[in-house]
Amino acid sequence: MARVVLVDGETRHYEAPDENGTARLVRVDRPSGVTRHYEGDAGVERRVRVEWPDGERLFLEGDPGEERTVRVEWASGEVQHYDGPRGNERIVRSLDASGRVSFYKGAIGEEYAVREETNDGRKIKLTGLRGQERVVRVDFASGWRSSYRGAAGAERLVRSVTPSGCRMFYRGARGQERRVRAEAEGGKTIFYAGKRGEERMVRALWPGNKQLFYRGKRGTERLVKVDFADGNVYTYTGSKGNERLVHPGRAFEGGAGRRRRRRGEECVVCMTSRATHAIVPCGHLCFCGSCAAQHAPSKCPLCRADVASVVRIFLP
């Protein structure tokens, strides 16, 4: 290995001359501590790597005199990848010490992040100009997808989609988002109330405009009322999972929306035919003949008692 020291303090390292007497440049040490590494035949060496005293390393590719930056490794552990011709290299991807990968678009000096991937499987979509990128969606490894709104650094969760397709909607500032609605498969919509972390179910809307109302703290919500589109109203009492029907109600035409109850007269299922079948052993008269044949309840819909059998009652 031969070495040449220039008057400005630069040191050039050469391999021993070949059979033609030509030495190949392999390294240049600058007085500032920067080191340049070269590869290639003698006279046409190309720069392939530059190292700084602080640990930064720059990697290059291309013909002699046309070398372009393709990668930079920082002392912090971050690695940046570049694309483009010499002098116009733009960053296209970076990997930080935590394993997060960021992808970029835009001209040199104006690169903006468009996507990030974390080592826990999250894929983060961003939008906005350089330095103002904001999160708009996160896809989780579990299959959940969350959407966000708001300026950079103040993005708030507005919607999540579960793997099963259930969509949940949120309100509130960043860090205080609370669930207000969930739309499940089959057209069922659930409404919530309460602050973040304490959201409780208060109402459910089923297809056909059937509405179910609930009371109680989160996790203990109990059914208290069911409103049907035809005006029927069922009222319930009891704890969660043990609700029992107190009474059914039925609307009738006219009378400015007045209601009348017909206890013991109508089938509690179809609410149109006369009840002719009773539950054994509690004795509640609940079903018409058609509904008794179609349904096999395990509990009485009125008192929630266990059902041993359903028998026909002959009324005058």
C-alpha atoms as a PDB file:
ATOM      1  CA  MET A   1       0.000   0.000   0.000  1.00  0.00           C
ATOM      2  CA  ALA A   2       1.498   3.352  -1.058  1.00  0.00           C
ATOM      3  CA  ARG A   3       0.646   6.665   0.513  1.00  0.00           C
ATOM      4  CA  VAL A   4       0.881  10.209  -0.832  1.00  0.00           C
ATOM      5  CA  VAL A   5       0.492  13.281   1.412  1.00  0.00           C
ATOM      6  CA  LEU A   6      -0.477  16.527  -0.343  1.00  0.00           C
ATOM      7  CA  VAL A   7       0.440  20.022   0.799  1.00  0.00           C
ATOM      8  CA  ASP A   8      -3.102  20.691   2.052  1.00  0.00           C
ATOM      9  CA  GLY A   9      -2.829  17.717   4.399  1.00  0.00           C
ATOM     10  CA  GLU A  10      -4.870  15.300   2.292  1.00  0.00           C
ATOM     11  CA  THR A  11      -3.547  11.736   2.329  1.00  0.00           C
ATOM     12  CA  ARG A  12      -4.135   9.406  -0.626  1.00  0.00           C
ATOM     13  CA  HIS A  13      -3.715   5.663  -0.336  1.00  0.00           C
ATOM     14  CA  TYR A  14      -2.872   3.540  -3.399  1.00  0.00           C
ATOM     15  CA  GLU A  15      -2.547  -0.153  -4.001  1.00  0.00           C
ATOM     16  CA  ALA A  16       0.856  -1.346  -5.201  1.00  0.00           C
ATOM     17  CA  PRO A  17       1.382  -0.709  -8.928  1.00  0.00           C
ATOM     18  CA  ASP A  18       0.362  -3.459 -11.309  1.00  0.00           C
ATOM     19  CA  GLU A  19       2.529  -4.962 -14.077  1.00  0.00           C
ATOM     20  CA  ASN A  20       1.961  -1.780 -16.075  1.00  0.00           C
ATOM     21  CA  GLY A  21       3.227   0.327 -13.220  1.00  0.00           C
ATOM     22  CA  THR A  22      -0.182   1.889 -12.539  1.00  0.00           C
ATOM     23  CA  ALA A  23      -1.347   2.314  -8.930  1.00  0.00           C
ATOM     24  CA  ARG A  24      -5.063   2.292  -8.049  1.00  0.00           C
ATOM     25  CA  LEU A  25      -6.541   4.858  -5.610  1.00  0.00           C
ATOM     26  CA  VAL A  26      -8.415   3.165  -2.763  1.00  0.00           C
ATOM     27  CA  ARG A  27      -8.785   5.799  -0.035  1.00  0.00           C
ATOM     28  CA  VAL A  28      -8.467   9.516   0.632  1.00  0.00           C
ATOM     29  CA  ASP A  29      -8.158  10.922   4.167  1.00  0.00           C
ATOM     30  CA  ARG A  30      -9.050  14.601   4.533  1.00  0.00           C
ATOM     31  CA  PRO A  31      -7.630  16.806   7.323  1.00  0.00           C
ATOM     32  CA  SER A  32     -11.204  17.313   8.574  1.00  0.00           C
ATOM     33  CA  GLY A  33     -11.426  13.607   9.404  1.00  0.00           C
ATOM     34  CA  VAL A  34     -13.580  12.701   6.405  1.00  0.00           C
ATOM     35  CA  THR A  35     -12.551   9.501   4.628  1.00  0.00           C
ATOM     36  CA  ARG A  36     -13.433   8.626   1.020  1.00  0.00           C
ATOM     37  CA  HIS A  37     -13.260   5.078  -0.308  1.00  0.00           C
ATOM     38  CA  TYR A  38     -12.825   4.170  -3.985  1.00  0.00           C
ATOM     39  CA  GLU A  39     -13.212   1.143  -6.230  1.00  0.00           C
ATOM     40  CA  GLY A  40     -12.465   0.465  -9.879  1.00  0.00           C
ATOM     41  CA  ASP A  41      -9.515   0.212 -12.224  1.00  0.00           C
ATOM     42  CA  ALA A  42      -6.611   2.616 -12.015  1.00  0.00           C
ATOM     43  CA  GLY A  43      -7.442   5.937 -13.598  1.00  0.00           C
ATOM     44  CA  VAL A  44     -11.179   5.320 -13.531  1.00  0.00           C
ATOM     45  CA  GLU A  45     -11.736   4.870  -9.803  1.00  0.00           C
ATOM     46  CA  ARG A  46     -15.193   5.721  -8.565  1.00  0.00           C
ATOM     47  CA  ARG A  47     -16.158   6.918  -5.106  1.00  0.00           C
ATOM     48  CA  VAL A  48     -18.268   4.320  -3.249  1.00  0.00           C
ATOM     49  CA  ARG A  49     -18.283   5.441   0.383  1.00  0.00           C
ATOM     50  CA  VAL A  50     -17.689   8.530   2.501  1.00  0.00           C
ATOM     51  CA  GLU A  51     -17.225   8.413   6.279  1.00  0.00           C
ATOM     52  CA  TRP A  52     -17.422  11.327   8.764  1.00  0.00           C
ATOM     53  CA  PRO A  53     -15.822  11.506  12.204  1.00  0.00           C
ATOM     54  CA  ASP A  54     -19.245  11.521  13.917  1.00  0.00           C
ATOM     55  CA  GLY A  55     -20.040   8.086  12.476  1.00  0.00           C
ATOM     56  CA  GLU A  56     -22.129   9.157   9.478  1.00  0.00           C
ATOM     57  CA  ARG A  57     -21.543   7.056   6.364  1.00  0.00           C
ATOM     58  CA  LEU A  58     -22.633   7.880   2.803  1.00  0.00           C
ATOM     59  CA  PHE A  59     -22.791   5.232   0.054  1.00  0.00           C
ATOM     60  CA  LEU A  60     -22.624   6.021  -3.653  1.00  0.00           C
ATOM     61  CA  GLU A  61     -23.156   4.281  -6.988  1.00  0.00           C
ATOM     62  CA  GLY A  62     -22.444   5.263 -10.581  1.00  0.00           C
ATOM     63  CA  ASP A  63     -19.635   5.809 -13.053  1.00  0.00           C
ATOM     64  CA  PRO A  64     -16.604   7.937 -12.166  1.00  0.00           C
ATOM     65  CA  GLY A  65     -17.629  11.572 -11.907  1.00  0.00           C
ATOM     66  CA  GLU A  66     -21.323  10.593 -11.915  1.00  0.00           C
ATOM     67  CA  GLU A  67     -21.520   8.991  -8.507  1.00  0.00           C
ATOM     68  CA  ARG A  68     -24.899   9.540  -6.849  1.00  0.00           C
ATOM     69  CA  THR A  69     -25.943   9.062  -3.239  1.00  0.00           C
ATOM     70  CA  VAL A  70     -27.999   5.905  -2.672  1.00  0.00           C
ATOM     71  CA  ARG A  71     -27.825   5.497   1.101  1.00  0.00           C
ATOM     72  CA  VAL A  72     -26.865   7.420   4.228  1.00  0.00           C
ATOM     73  CA  GLU A  73     -26.289   5.754   7.599  1.00  0.00           C
ATOM     74  CA  TRP A  74     -26.459   8.169  10.539  1.00  0.00           C
ATOM     75  CA  ALA A  75     -24.762   7.746  13.906  1.00  0.00           C
ATOM     76  CA  SER A  76     -28.226   7.642  15.518  1.00  0.00           C
ATOM     77  CA  GLY A  77     -28.944   4.383  13.698  1.00  0.00           C
ATOM     78  CA  GLU A  78     -31.262   5.891  11.093  1.00  0.00           C
ATOM     79  CA  VAL A  79     -30.727   4.762   7.502  1.00  0.00           C
ATOM     80  CA  GLN A  80     -31.970   6.825   4.544  1.00  0.00           C
ATOM     81  CA  HIS A  81     -32.282   5.569   0.960  1.00  0.00           C
ATOM     82  CA  TYR A  82     -32.140   7.896  -2.049  1.00  0.00           C
ATOM     83  CA  ASP A  83     -33.086   7.822  -5.724  1.00  0.00           C
ATOM     84  CA  GLY A  84     -32.419  10.152  -8.636  1.00  0.00           C
ATOM     85  CA  PRO A  85     -29.474  11.401 -10.724  1.00  0.00           C
ATOM     86  CA  ARG A  86     -26.352  12.994  -9.263  1.00  0.00           C
ATOM     87  CA  GLY A  87     -27.147  16.309  -7.624  1.00  0.00           C
ATOM     88  CA  ASN A  88     -30.871  15.571  -7.522  1.00  0.00           C
ATOM     89  CA  GLU A  89     -30.969  12.619  -5.185  1.00  0.00           C
ATOM     90  CA  ARG A  90     -34.182  12.601  -3.169  1.00  0.00           C
ATOM     91  CA  ILE A  91     -34.965  10.533  -0.129  1.00  0.00           C
ATOM     92  CA  VAL A  92     -37.446   7.724  -0.849  1.00  0.00           C
ATOM     93  CA  ARG A  93     -37.229   5.564   2.268  1.00  0.00           C
ATOM     94  CA  SER A  94     -35.833   5.718   5.787  1.00  0.00           C
ATOM     95  CA  LEU A  95     -35.429   3.222   8.610  1.00  0.00           C
ATOM     96  CA  ASP A  96     -35.005   4.490  12.168  1.00  0.00           C
ATOM     97  CA  ALA A  97     -33.458   2.719  15.152  1.00  0.00           C
ATOM     98  CA  SER A  98     -36.861   1.492  16.381  1.00  0.00           C
ATOM     99  CA  GLY A  99     -37.528  -0.364  13.128  1.00  0.00           C
ATOM    100  CA  ARG A 100     -40.045   2.139  11.730  1.00  0.00           C
ATOM    101  CA  VAL A 101     -39.849   2.424   7.939  1.00  0.00           C
ATOM    102  CA  SER A 102     -40.987   5.685   6.295  1.00  0.00           C
ATOM    103  CA  PHE A 103     -41.690   6.145   2.580  1.00  0.00           C
ATOM    104  CA  TYR A 104     -41.439   9.506   0.822  1.00  0.00           C
ATOM    105  CA  LYS A 105     -42.496  11.321  -2.331  1.00  0.00           C
ATOM    106  CA  GLY A 106     -41.588  14.723  -3.739  1.00  0.00           C
ATOM    107  CA  ALA A 107     -38.670  16.558  -5.349  1.00  0.00           C
ATOM    108  CA  ILE A 108     -35.300  16.960  -3.653  1.00  0.00           C
ATOM    109  CA  GLY A 109     -35.589  19.144  -0.589  1.00  0.00           C
ATOM    110  CA  GLU A 110     -39.401  18.808  -0.637  1.00  0.00           C
ATOM    111  CA  GLU A 111     -39.761  15.143   0.235  1.00  0.00           C
ATOM    112  CA  TYR A 112     -42.828  14.385   2.355  1.00  0.00           C
ATOM    113  CA  ALA A 113     -43.747  11.163   4.139  1.00  0.00           C
ATOM    114  CA  VAL A 114     -46.693   9.256   2.675  1.00  0.00           C
ATOM    115  CA  ARG A 115     -46.525   5.966   4.569  1.00  0.00           C
ATOM    116  CA  GLU A 116     -44.929   4.433   7.622  1.00  0.00           C
ATOM    117  CA  GLU A 117     -44.595   0.801   8.677  1.00  0.00           C
ATOM    118  CA  THR A 118     -43.745  -0.194  12.243  1.00  0.00           C
ATOM    119  CA  ASN A 119     -42.200  -3.411  13.494  1.00  0.00           C
ATOM    120  CA  ASP A 120     -45.474  -4.358  15.244  1.00  0.00           C
ATOM    121  CA  GLY A 121     -47.238  -4.571  11.875  1.00  0.00           C
ATOM    122  CA  ARG A 122     -48.937  -1.175  11.729  1.00  0.00           C
ATOM    123  CA  LYS A 123     -49.200   0.590   8.367  1.00  0.00           C
ATOM    124  CA  ILE A 124     -49.709   4.339   8.713  1.00  0.00           C
ATOM    125  CA  LYS A 125     -50.943   6.496   5.838  1.00  0.00           C
ATOM    126  CA  LEU A 126     -50.041  10.201   5.886  1.00  0.00           C
ATOM    127  CA  THR A 127     -50.876  13.256   3.823  1.00  0.00           C
ATOM    128  CA  GLY A 128     -49.621  16.842   3.758  1.00  0.00           C
ATOM    129  CA  LEU A 129     -46.566  18.829   2.699  1.00  0.00           C
ATOM    130  CA  ARG A 130     -43.067  18.331   4.102  1.00  0.00           C
ATOM    131  CA  GLY A 131     -43.026  18.990   7.819  1.00  0.00           C
ATOM    132  CA  GLN A 132     -46.837  19.067   7.949  1.00  0.00           C
ATOM    133  CA  GLU A 133     -47.586  15.415   7.349  1.00  0.00           C
ATOM    134  CA  ARG A 134     -50.606  14.211   9.311  1.00  0.00           C
ATOM    135  CA  VAL A 135     -51.924  10.731   9.976  1.00  0.00           C
ATOM    136  CA  VAL A 136     -55.124   9.876   8.098  1.00  0.00           C
ATOM    137  CA  ARG A 137     -55.318   6.105   8.505  1.00  0.00           C
ATOM    138  CA  VAL A 138     -53.699   3.265  10.434  1.00  0.00           C
ATOM    139  CA  ASP A 139     -54.018  -0.400   9.424  1.00  0.00           C
ATOM    140  CA  PHE A 140     -53.230  -2.731  12.310  1.00  0.00           C
ATOM    141  CA  ALA A 141     -51.823  -6.248  12.071  1.00  0.00           C
ATOM    142  CA  SER A 142     -55.000  -7.512  13.778  1.00  0.00           C
ATOM    143  CA  GLY A 143     -57.102  -6.342  10.817  1.00  0.00           C
ATOM    144  CA  TRP A 144     -58.472  -3.206  12.475  1.00  0.00           C
ATOM    145  CA  ARG A 145     -58.432   0.023  10.434  1.00  0.00           C
ATOM    146  CA  SER A 146     -58.642   3.454  12.057  1.00  0.00           C
ATOM    147  CA  SER A 147     -59.213   6.808  10.313  1.00  0.00           C
ATOM    148  CA  TYR A 148     -58.129  10.207  11.652  1.00  0.00           C
ATOM    149  CA  ARG A 149     -58.790  13.907  11.065  1.00  0.00           C
ATOM    150  CA  GLY A 150     -57.053  17.065  12.201  1.00  0.00           C
ATOM    151  CA  ALA A 151     -53.805  18.972  11.742  1.00  0.00           C
ATOM    152  CA  ALA A 152     -50.384  17.367  12.172  1.00  0.00           C
ATOM    153  CA  GLY A 153     -49.817  16.530  15.818  1.00  0.00           C
ATOM    154  CA  ALA A 154     -53.504  16.948  16.662  1.00  0.00           C
ATOM    155  CA  GLU A 155     -55.014  14.081  14.681  1.00  0.00           C
ATOM    156  CA  ARG A 156     -58.092  12.632  16.346  1.00  0.00           C
ATOM    157  CA  LEU A 157     -59.678   9.236  15.846  1.00  0.00           C
ATOM    158  CA  VAL A 158     -62.984   9.484  13.965  1.00  0.00           C
ATOM    159  CA  ARG A 159     -63.678   5.940  12.761  1.00  0.00           C
ATOM    160  CA  SER A 160     -62.533   2.347  13.194  1.00  0.00           C
ATOM    161  CA  VAL A 161     -63.416  -0.740  11.190  1.00  0.00           C
ATOM    162  CA  THR A 162     -63.059  -4.176  12.775  1.00  0.00           C
ATOM    163  CA  PRO A 163     -62.033  -7.328  10.860  1.00  0.00           C
ATOM    164  CA  SER A 164     -65.685  -8.416  10.881  1.00  0.00           C
ATOM    165  CA  GLY A 165     -66.741  -5.181   9.157  1.00  0.00           C
ATOM    166  CA  CYS A 166     -68.262  -3.393  12.156  1.00  0.00           C
ATOM    167  CA  ARG A 167     -67.727   0.375  11.900  1.00  0.00           C
ATOM    168  CA  MET A 168     -67.313   2.499  15.024  1.00  0.00           C
ATOM    169  CA  PHE A 169     -67.485   6.298  15.087  1.00  0.00           C
ATOM    170  CA  TYR A 170     -65.855   8.653  17.582  1.00  0.00           C
ATOM    171  CA  ARG A 171     -66.014  12.276  18.747  1.00  0.00           C
ATOM    172  CA  GLY A 172     -63.736  14.416  20.840  1.00  0.00           C
ATOM    173  CA  ALA A 173     -60.300  16.016  20.761  1.00  0.00           C
ATOM    174  CA  ARG A 174     -57.130  13.977  20.411  1.00  0.00           C
ATOM    175  CA  GLY A 175     -56.655  11.699  23.379  1.00  0.00           C
ATOM    176  CA  GLN A 176     -60.276  12.198  24.455  1.00  0.00           C
ATOM    177  CA  GLU A 177     -62.070  10.462  21.623  1.00  0.00           C
ATOM    178  CA  ARG A 178     -65.166   8.631  22.782  1.00  0.00           C
ATOM    179  CA  ARG A 179     -67.231   6.099  20.893  1.00  0.00           C
ATOM    180  CA  VAL A 180     -70.652   7.423  19.940  1.00  0.00           C
ATOM    181  CA  ARG A 181     -71.937   4.931  17.355  1.00  0.00           C
ATOM    182  CA  ALA A 182     -71.289   1.470  15.978  1.00  0.00           C
ATOM    183  CA  GLU A 183     -72.692   0.062  12.754  1.00  0.00           C
ATOM    184  CA  ALA A 184     -72.670  -3.729  12.698  1.00  0.00           C
ATOM    185  CA  GLU A 185     -73.325  -6.165   9.894  1.00  0.00           C
ATOM    186  CA  GLY A 186     -76.965  -6.736   9.123  1.00  0.00           C
ATOM    187  CA  GLY A 187     -77.903  -3.082   9.519  1.00  0.00           C
ATOM    188  CA  LYS A 188     -77.812  -2.898  13.317  1.00  0.00           C
ATOM    189  CA  THR A 189     -76.707   0.473  14.742  1.00  0.00           C
ATOM    190  CA  ILE A 190     -75.709   0.971  18.391  1.00  0.00           C
ATOM    191  CA  PHE A 191     -75.487   4.382  20.084  1.00  0.00           C
ATOM    192  CA  TYR A 192     -73.271   5.163  23.074  1.00  0.00           C
ATOM    193  CA  ALA A 193     -72.984   7.879  25.721  1.00  0.00           C
ATOM    194  CA  GLY A 194     -70.333   8.688  28.292  1.00  0.00           C
ATOM    195  CA  LYS A 195     -66.744   9.892  28.389  1.00  0.00           C
ATOM    196  CA  ARG A 196     -63.764   8.061  26.933  1.00  0.00           C
ATOM    197  CA  GLY A 197     -63.285   4.658  28.465  1.00  0.00           C
ATOM    198  CA  GLU A 198     -66.736   4.688  30.055  1.00  0.00           C
ATOM    199  CA  GLU A 199     -68.941   4.633  26.972  1.00  0.00           C
ATOM    200  CA  ARG A 200     -72.160   2.773  27.673  1.00  0.00           C
ATOM    201  CA  MET A 201     -74.744   1.462  25.240  1.00  0.00           C
ATOM    202  CA  VAL A 202     -77.947   3.509  25.392  1.00  0.00           C
ATOM    203  CA  ARG A 203     -79.825   2.604  22.228  1.00  0.00           C
ATOM    204  CA  ALA A 204     -79.783   0.074  19.418  1.00  0.00           C
ATOM    205  CA  LEU A 205     -81.565   0.520  16.087  1.00  0.00           C
ATOM    206  CA  TRP A 206     -82.414  -2.656  14.213  1.00  0.00           C
ATOM    207  CA  PRO A 207     -83.582  -3.072  10.616  1.00  0.00           C
ATOM    208  CA  GLY A 208     -87.260  -2.330  10.339  1.00  0.00           C
ATOM    209  CA  ASN A 209     -86.909   0.629  12.724  1.00  0.00           C
ATOM    210  CA  LYS A 210     -87.065  -1.484  15.881  1.00  0.00           C
ATOM    211  CA  GLN A 211     -85.379   0.420  18.732  1.00  0.00           C
ATOM    212  CA  LEU A 212     -83.971  -1.066  21.930  1.00  0.00           C
ATOM    213  CA  PHE A 213     -83.172   1.174  24.909  1.00  0.00           C
ATOM    214  CA  TYR A 214     -80.656   0.392  27.648  1.00  0.00           C
ATOM    215  CA  ARG A 215     -79.652   1.708  31.064  1.00  0.00           C
ATOM    216  CA  GLY A 216     -76.701   1.060  33.333  1.00  0.00           C
ATOM    217  CA  LYS A 217     -72.954   1.524  33.482  1.00  0.00           C
ATOM    218  CA  ARG A 218     -70.582   0.197  30.868  1.00  0.00           C
ATOM    219  CA  GLY A 219     -70.618  -3.564  30.848  1.00  0.00           C
ATOM    220  CA  THR A 220     -73.837  -3.795  32.853  1.00  0.00           C
ATOM    221  CA  GLU A 221     -76.270  -2.175  30.402  1.00  0.00           C
ATOM    222  CA  ARG A 222     -79.687  -3.772  30.743  1.00  0.00           C
ATOM    223  CA  LEU A 223     -82.569  -3.728  28.286  1.00  0.00           C
ATOM    224  CA  VAL A 224     -85.423  -1.520  29.509  1.00  0.00           C
ATOM    225  CA  LYS A 225     -87.631  -0.955  26.485  1.00  0.00           C
ATOM    226  CA  VAL A 226     -88.243  -2.046  22.903  1.00  0.00           C
ATOM    227  CA  ASP A 227     -90.127   0.179  20.459  1.00  0.00           C
ATOM    228  CA  PHE A 228     -91.456  -1.389  17.260  1.00  0.00           C
ATOM    229  CA  ALA A 229     -92.185   0.485  14.048  1.00  0.00           C
ATOM    230  CA  ASP A 230     -95.877  -0.459  14.270  1.00  0.00           C
ATOM    231  CA  GLY A 231     -96.205   1.220  17.665  1.00  0.00           C
ATOM    232  CA  ASN A 232     -95.789  -1.813  19.915  1.00  0.00           C
ATOM    233  CA  VAL A 233     -93.789  -1.142  23.071  1.00  0.00           C
ATOM    234  CA  TYR A 234     -92.250  -3.779  25.338  1.00  0.00           C
ATOM    235  CA  THR A 235     -90.974  -2.781  28.776  1.00  0.00           C
ATOM    236  CA  TYR A 236     -88.412  -4.863  30.662  1.00  0.00           C
ATOM    237  CA  THR A 237     -86.939  -5.032  34.137  1.00  0.00           C
ATOM    238  CA  GLY A 238     -84.077  -6.995  35.680  1.00  0.00           C
ATOM    239  CA  SER A 239     -80.281  -7.075  35.453  1.00  0.00           C
ATOM    240  CA  LYS A 240     -78.234  -7.592  32.324  1.00  0.00           C
ATOM    241  CA  GLY A 241     -78.833 -11.038  30.871  1.00  0.00           C
ATOM    242  CA  ASN A 242     -81.822 -11.586  33.151  1.00  0.00           C
ATOM    243  CA  GLU A 243     -84.239  -9.011  31.766  1.00  0.00           C
ATOM    244  CA  ARG A 244     -87.874 -10.057  31.892  1.00  0.00           C
ATOM    245  CA  LEU A 245     -90.815  -8.583  30.068  1.00  0.00           C
ATOM    246  CA  VAL A 246     -93.016  -6.468  32.347  1.00  0.00           C
ATOM    247  CA  HIS A 247     -95.738  -5.832  29.840  1.00  0.00           C
ATOM    248  CA  PRO A 248     -96.247  -5.505  26.113  1.00  0.00           C
ATOM    249  CA  GLY A 249     -98.088  -2.496  24.760  1.00  0.00           C
ATOM    250  CA  ARG A 250     -99.800  -1.933  21.439  1.00  0.00           C
ATOM    251  CA  ALA A 251    -100.592   1.258  19.578  1.00  0.00           C
ATOM    252  CA  PHE A 252    -103.850   1.718  17.719  1.00  0.00           C
ATOM    253  CA  GLU A 253    -104.949   4.110  15.018  1.00  0.00           C
ATOM    254  CA  GLY A 254    -106.501   7.439  15.984  1.00  0.00           C
ATOM    255  CA  GLY A 255    -106.784   9.192  19.279  1.00  0.00           C
ATOM    256  CA  ALA A 256    -103.740  11.444  18.698  1.00  0.00           C
ATOM    257  CA  GLY A 257    -101.311   8.644  19.396  1.00  0.00           C
ATOM    258  CA  ARG A 258    -103.046   7.240  22.470  1.00  0.00           C
ATOM    259  CA  ARG A 259    -102.246   3.650  23.422  1.00  0.00           C
ATOM    260  CA  ARG A 260    -104.158   0.844  25.056  1.00  0.00           C
ATOM    261  CA  ARG A 261    -102.905  -2.414  26.541  1.00  0.00           C
ATOM    262  CA  ARG A 262    -104.367  -5.761  25.838  1.00  0.00           C
ATOM    263  CA  ARG A 263    -102.947  -8.009  28.510  1.00  0.00           C
ATOM    264  CA  GLY A 264    -103.679 -11.668  28.125  1.00  0.00           C
ATOM    265  CA  GLU A 265    -105.378 -11.153  24.759  1.00  0.00           C
ATOM    266  CA  GLU A 266    -102.690 -10.976  22.113  1.00  0.00           C
ATOM    267  CA  CYS A 267     -99.761 -13.173  21.162  1.00  0.00           C
ATOM    268  CA  VAL A 268     -96.597 -11.530  22.516  1.00  0.00           C
ATOM    269  CA  VAL A 269     -94.701 -12.499  19.334  1.00  0.00           C
ATOM    270  CA  CYS A 270     -96.862 -11.417  16.398  1.00  0.00           C
ATOM    271  CA  MET A 271     -99.117  -9.054  18.400  1.00  0.00           C
ATOM    272  CA  THR A 272    -101.912  -9.658  15.923  1.00  0.00           C
ATOM    273  CA  SER A 273    -103.509 -13.008  16.762  1.00  0.00           C
ATOM    274  CA  ARG A 274    -105.230 -14.035  19.963  1.00  0.00           C
ATOM    275  CA  ALA A 275    -103.049 -15.832  22.541  1.00  0.00           C
ATOM    276  CA  THR A 276    -104.202 -19.433  22.920  1.00  0.00           C
ATOM    277  CA  HIS A 277    -101.097 -21.207  24.266  1.00  0.00           C
ATOM    278  CA  ALA A 278     -99.672 -20.939  27.784  1.00  0.00           C
ATOM    279  CA  ILE A 279     -96.284 -21.628  29.338  1.00  0.00           C
ATOM    280  CA  VAL A 280     -95.921 -24.474  31.820  1.00  0.00           C
ATOM    281  CA  PRO A 281     -95.268 -24.188  34.747  1.00  0.00           C
ATOM    282  CA  CYS A 282     -95.627 -20.366  35.111  1.00  0.00           C
ATOM    283  CA  GLY A 283     -99.005 -20.327  33.339  1.00  0.00           C
ATOM    284  CA  HIS A 284     -98.553 -17.152  31.284  1.00  0.00           C
ATOM    285  CA  LEU A 285    -100.764 -17.041  28.185  1.00  0.00           C
ATOM    286  CA  CYS A 286     -98.256 -15.908  25.538  1.00  0.00           C
ATOM    287  CA  PHE A 287     -98.600 -17.426  22.071  1.00  0.00           C
ATOM    288  CA  CYS A 288    -101.087 -17.902  19.301  1.00  0.00           C
ATOM    289  CA  GLY A 289    -101.213 -21.301  17.617  1.00  0.00           C
ATOM    290  CA  SER A 290     -99.001 -20.273  14.727  1.00  0.00           C
ATOM    291  CA  CYS A 291     -96.253 -18.726  16.847  1.00  0.00           C
ATOM    292  CA  ALA A 292     -96.351 -21.615  19.341  1.00  0.00           C
ATOM    293  CA  ALA A 293     -95.653 -23.992  16.440  1.00  0.00           C
ATOM    294  CA  GLN A 294     -92.783 -21.870  15.079  1.00  0.00           C
ATOM    295  CA  HIS A 295     -90.998 -20.998  18.326  1.00  0.00           C
ATOM    296  CA  ALA A 296     -89.494 -23.193  21.007  1.00  0.00           C
ATOM    297  CA  PRO A 297     -88.634 -20.763  23.840  1.00  0.00           C
ATOM    298  CA  SER A 298     -86.438 -21.884  26.735  1.00  0.00           C
ATOM    299  CA  LYS A 299     -87.783 -19.122  28.991  1.00  0.00           C
ATOM    300  CA  CYS A 300     -91.135 -17.410  29.370  1.00  0.00           C
ATOM    301  CA  PRO A 301     -91.056 -14.030  27.542  1.00  0.00           C
ATOM    302  CA  LEU A 302     -93.055 -12.451  30.377  1.00  0.00           C
ATOM    303  CA  CYS A 303     -91.385 -13.686  33.564  1.00  0.00           C
ATOM    304  CA  ARG A 304     -88.253 -15.431  32.239  1.00  0.00           C
ATOM    305  CA  ALA A 305     -89.150 -18.652  34.050  1.00  0.00           C
ATOM    306  CA  ASP A 306     -87.850 -21.910  32.547  1.00  0.00           C
ATOM    307  CA  VAL A 307     -90.240 -23.493  30.061  1.00  0.00           C
ATOM    308  CA  ALA A 308     -91.206 -27.124  30.579  1.00  0.00           C
ATOM    309  CA  SER A 309     -93.825 -27.160  27.832  1.00  0.00           C
ATOM    310  CA  VAL A 310     -96.328 -25.036  25.907  1.00  0.00           C
ATOM    311  CA  VAL A 311     -99.965 -26.102  26.074  1.00  0.00           C
ATOM    312  CA  ARG A 312    -103.158 -25.071  24.296  1.00  0.00           C
ATOM    313  CA  ILE A 313    -105.701 -23.251  26.443  1.00  0.00           C
ATOM    314  CA  PHE A 314    -109.334 -23.378  25.322  1.00  0.00           C
ATOM    315  CA  LEU A 315    -111.000 -20.077  26.098  1.00  0.00           C
ATOM    316  CA  PRO A 316    -114.695 -19.215  25.824  1.00  0.00           C
END
